[in-house]
């Protein structure tokens, strides 16, 4: 069962409006704790909103992520997409029973149009990649790479920005 991030228990944070929790096998509570442990993530007011086997969605309200033009700040857009991809790689490895440290190796962001709505990022494994191969390589070598894609759409469905990034997972040191 996915619970909402608990902003009340974090210093200097405010609560994002609540929705109903979602049932999902890819949302360990440890992910919520890791996200909340990062002060910049708390500042985004990020929350987990859903996942399935192939995707993960993170949301953040526009108000704390606004720029001087009244639309979403580019750094916030890039951060939410990066975190969605990072979270998906992390949860897939955890679900397969692996303890891993996941890092973004490199990424490219394309800003296509201004976003005047709340930020909702959806991350997926890039076409041509296969989770079974990513996970098998990690099991065999203790490290792996995954090419990930993420996007943020406006409320009307138009794509506002995209991210493509390589994420590296290394066997956890703990």
Protein backbone atom coordinates (compact mmCIF):
# COMPACT_ATOMS: atom_id res chain seq x y z
CA UNK A 1 0.00 0.00 0.00
CA UNK A 2 1.41 3.36 -0.95
CA UNK A 3 1.13 6.01 1.68
CA UNK A 4 1.59 9.72 1.13
CA UNK A 5 4.82 11.43 2.02
CA UNK A 6 4.48 12.69 5.59
CA UNK A 7 5.38 16.37 5.31
CA UNK A 8 4.09 17.01 8.84
CA UNK A 9 7.00 15.03 10.27
CA UNK A 10 9.59 16.98 8.25
CA UNK A 11 10.92 20.35 9.39
CA UNK A 12 10.34 23.37 7.16
CA UNK A 13 7.83 21.69 4.92
CA UNK A 14 4.18 22.09 4.14
CA UNK A 15 1.59 19.48 3.30
CA UNK A 16 0.56 18.88 -0.30
CA UNK A 17 -3.18 18.16 -0.73
CA UNK A 18 -4.04 14.53 -0.09
CA UNK A 19 -5.37 11.94 -2.51
CA UNK A 20 -6.29 8.33 -1.82
CA UNK A 21 -3.35 5.95 -1.38
CA UNK A 22 -2.67 3.60 -4.27
CA UNK A 23 -2.03 -0.12 -4.00
CA UNK A 24 1.23 -1.01 -5.68
CA UNK A 25 4.04 -3.54 -5.25
CA UNK A 26 6.64 -0.96 -6.33
CA UNK A 27 6.38 1.56 -3.51
CA UNK A 28 8.35 0.50 -0.47
CA UNK A 29 8.11 2.86 2.47
CA UNK A 30 11.91 3.10 2.42
CA UNK A 31 11.60 5.03 -0.84
CA UNK A 32 9.42 7.62 0.87
CA UNK A 33 11.93 7.96 3.68
CA UNK A 34 14.83 8.36 1.24
CA UNK A 35 12.98 11.03 -0.70
CA UNK A 36 12.07 12.90 2.48
CA UNK A 37 15.64 12.73 3.74
CA UNK A 38 16.74 15.11 0.97
CA UNK A 39 15.99 18.77 1.84
CA UNK A 40 15.67 19.84 -1.83
CA UNK A 41 13.00 17.16 -2.36
CA UNK A 42 11.06 18.43 0.66
CA UNK A 43 11.23 21.94 -0.82
CA UNK A 44 9.65 20.66 -4.05
CA UNK A 45 6.77 19.25 -1.95
CA UNK A 46 7.08 16.09 -3.99
CA UNK A 47 4.67 13.20 -3.54
CA UNK A 48 4.35 9.71 -4.93
CA UNK A 49 1.13 9.38 -6.93
CA UNK A 50 1.34 6.00 -8.61
CA UNK A 51 3.22 3.23 -10.29
CA UNK A 52 2.78 0.03 -12.14
CA UNK A 53 5.29 -2.51 -13.41
CA UNK A 54 6.60 -0.17 -16.09
CA UNK A 55 6.19 3.40 -14.82
CA UNK A 56 6.31 5.60 -11.76
CA UNK A 57 4.63 8.98 -11.24
CA UNK A 58 5.69 11.81 -8.94
CA UNK A 59 3.85 15.09 -8.49
CA UNK A 60 4.65 18.49 -7.05
CA UNK A 61 2.46 21.58 -6.74
CA UNK A 62 3.20 24.57 -8.95
CA UNK A 63 3.26 27.19 -6.16
CA UNK A 64 6.63 26.24 -4.54
CA UNK A 65 8.12 25.50 -7.98
CA UNK A 66 7.22 28.72 -9.80
CA UNK A 67 9.63 31.03 -11.59
CA UNK A 68 9.58 34.79 -12.19
CA UNK A 69 7.34 34.33 -15.25
CA UNK A 70 4.58 32.54 -13.35
CA UNK A 71 5.25 29.07 -14.75
CA UNK A 72 7.16 26.03 -13.51
CA UNK A 73 10.84 26.60 -12.79
CA UNK A 74 13.07 24.62 -15.15
CA UNK A 75 15.19 23.26 -12.30
CA UNK A 76 12.09 21.89 -10.61
CA UNK A 77 10.92 20.25 -13.84
CA UNK A 78 14.32 18.57 -14.32
CA UNK A 79 14.44 17.52 -10.67
CA UNK A 80 10.99 15.93 -10.61
CA UNK A 81 11.68 13.98 -13.81
CA UNK A 82 15.11 12.86 -12.55
CA UNK A 83 13.65 11.77 -9.21
CA UNK A 84 10.84 9.83 -10.92
CA UNK A 85 13.37 7.90 -13.03
CA UNK A 86 15.68 7.36 -10.04
CA UNK A 87 12.74 6.12 -7.94
CA UNK A 88 11.61 3.67 -10.63
CA UNK A 89 15.09 2.16 -10.98
CA UNK A 90 15.43 1.99 -7.19
CA UNK A 91 12.06 0.34 -6.62
CA UNK A 92 12.53 -2.19 -9.44
CA UNK A 93 15.87 -3.26 -7.95
CA UNK A 94 14.36 -3.46 -4.45
CA UNK A 95 11.38 -5.46 -5.71
CA UNK A 96 13.85 -7.95 -7.20
CA UNK A 97 15.54 -8.30 -3.80
CA UNK A 98 18.64 -6.22 -4.56
CA UNK A 99 20.22 -3.62 -2.30
CA UNK A 100 21.59 -0.95 -4.61
CA UNK A 101 22.79 2.63 -4.66
CA UNK A 102 21.32 4.32 -7.73
CA UNK A 103 22.88 7.40 -9.35
CA UNK A 104 22.08 9.48 -12.40
CA UNK A 105 25.10 9.20 -14.70
CA UNK A 106 24.00 11.74 -17.31
CA UNK A 107 20.80 13.18 -18.67
CA UNK A 108 19.37 15.45 -21.32
CA UNK A 109 16.32 17.62 -20.74
CA UNK A 110 14.23 19.24 -23.46
CA UNK A 111 11.94 22.10 -22.46
CA UNK A 112 9.19 22.23 -25.08
CA UNK A 113 6.69 24.71 -23.63
CA UNK A 114 6.01 26.51 -20.36
CA UNK A 115 4.02 24.64 -17.72
CA UNK A 116 1.36 26.61 -15.81
CA UNK A 117 -0.04 23.56 -13.98
CA UNK A 118 1.13 21.32 -11.15
CA UNK A 119 4.09 19.13 -12.06
CA UNK A 120 3.32 15.48 -12.79
CA UNK A 121 6.28 13.43 -14.02
CA UNK A 122 6.04 9.92 -15.38
CA UNK A 123 9.18 7.82 -15.81
CA UNK A 124 9.68 4.64 -17.85
CA UNK A 125 12.48 2.45 -19.09
CA UNK A 126 13.53 3.69 -22.55
CA UNK A 127 12.44 1.70 -25.63
CA UNK A 128 14.93 -1.03 -26.46
CA UNK A 129 15.76 -1.57 -22.79
CA UNK A 130 14.51 -4.60 -20.86
CA UNK A 131 13.99 -4.79 -17.09
CA UNK A 132 14.85 -8.50 -17.04
CA UNK A 133 18.24 -7.74 -18.61
CA UNK A 134 18.89 -4.75 -16.33
CA UNK A 135 18.09 -6.84 -13.24
CA UNK A 136 20.00 -9.93 -14.43
CA UNK A 137 23.13 -7.86 -15.06
CA UNK A 138 22.89 -6.42 -11.55
CA UNK A 139 22.43 -9.89 -10.05
CA UNK A 140 25.46 -11.19 -11.97
CA UNK A 141 27.88 -8.25 -11.69
CA UNK A 142 26.61 -6.13 -8.80
CA UNK A 143 26.17 -3.17 -11.12
CA UNK A 144 23.98 -2.19 -14.03
CA UNK A 145 22.82 0.72 -16.16
CA UNK A 146 19.32 1.66 -17.25
CA UNK A 147 18.41 4.20 -19.90
CA UNK A 148 15.32 5.98 -18.60
CA UNK A 149 12.83 8.44 -20.04
CA UNK A 150 10.51 10.83 -18.22
CA UNK A 151 8.07 13.51 -19.24
CA UNK A 152 5.85 16.17 -17.76
CA UNK A 153 2.58 17.05 -19.45
CA UNK A 154 0.27 20.03 -19.01
CA UNK A 155 -3.25 19.44 -17.72
CA UNK A 156 -4.44 19.44 -21.36
CA UNK A 157 -2.09 16.53 -22.18
CA UNK A 158 0.55 18.48 -24.11
CA UNK A 159 4.13 17.45 -23.38
CA UNK A 160 6.00 20.34 -21.74
CA UNK A 161 9.38 18.72 -21.14
CA UNK A 162 11.20 15.42 -21.46
CA UNK A 163 14.23 13.80 -19.90
CA UNK A 164 16.41 10.95 -21.09
CA UNK A 165 19.04 9.77 -18.67
CA UNK A 166 21.38 6.93 -17.87
CA UNK A 167 21.10 5.65 -14.32
CA UNK A 168 23.76 3.48 -12.74
CA UNK A 169 23.10 1.05 -9.90
CA UNK A 170 25.91 -0.31 -7.75
CA UNK A 171 25.63 -3.00 -5.10
CA UNK A 172 24.82 -1.31 -1.76
CA UNK A 173 27.61 -0.92 0.75
CA UNK A 174 25.31 -1.69 3.72
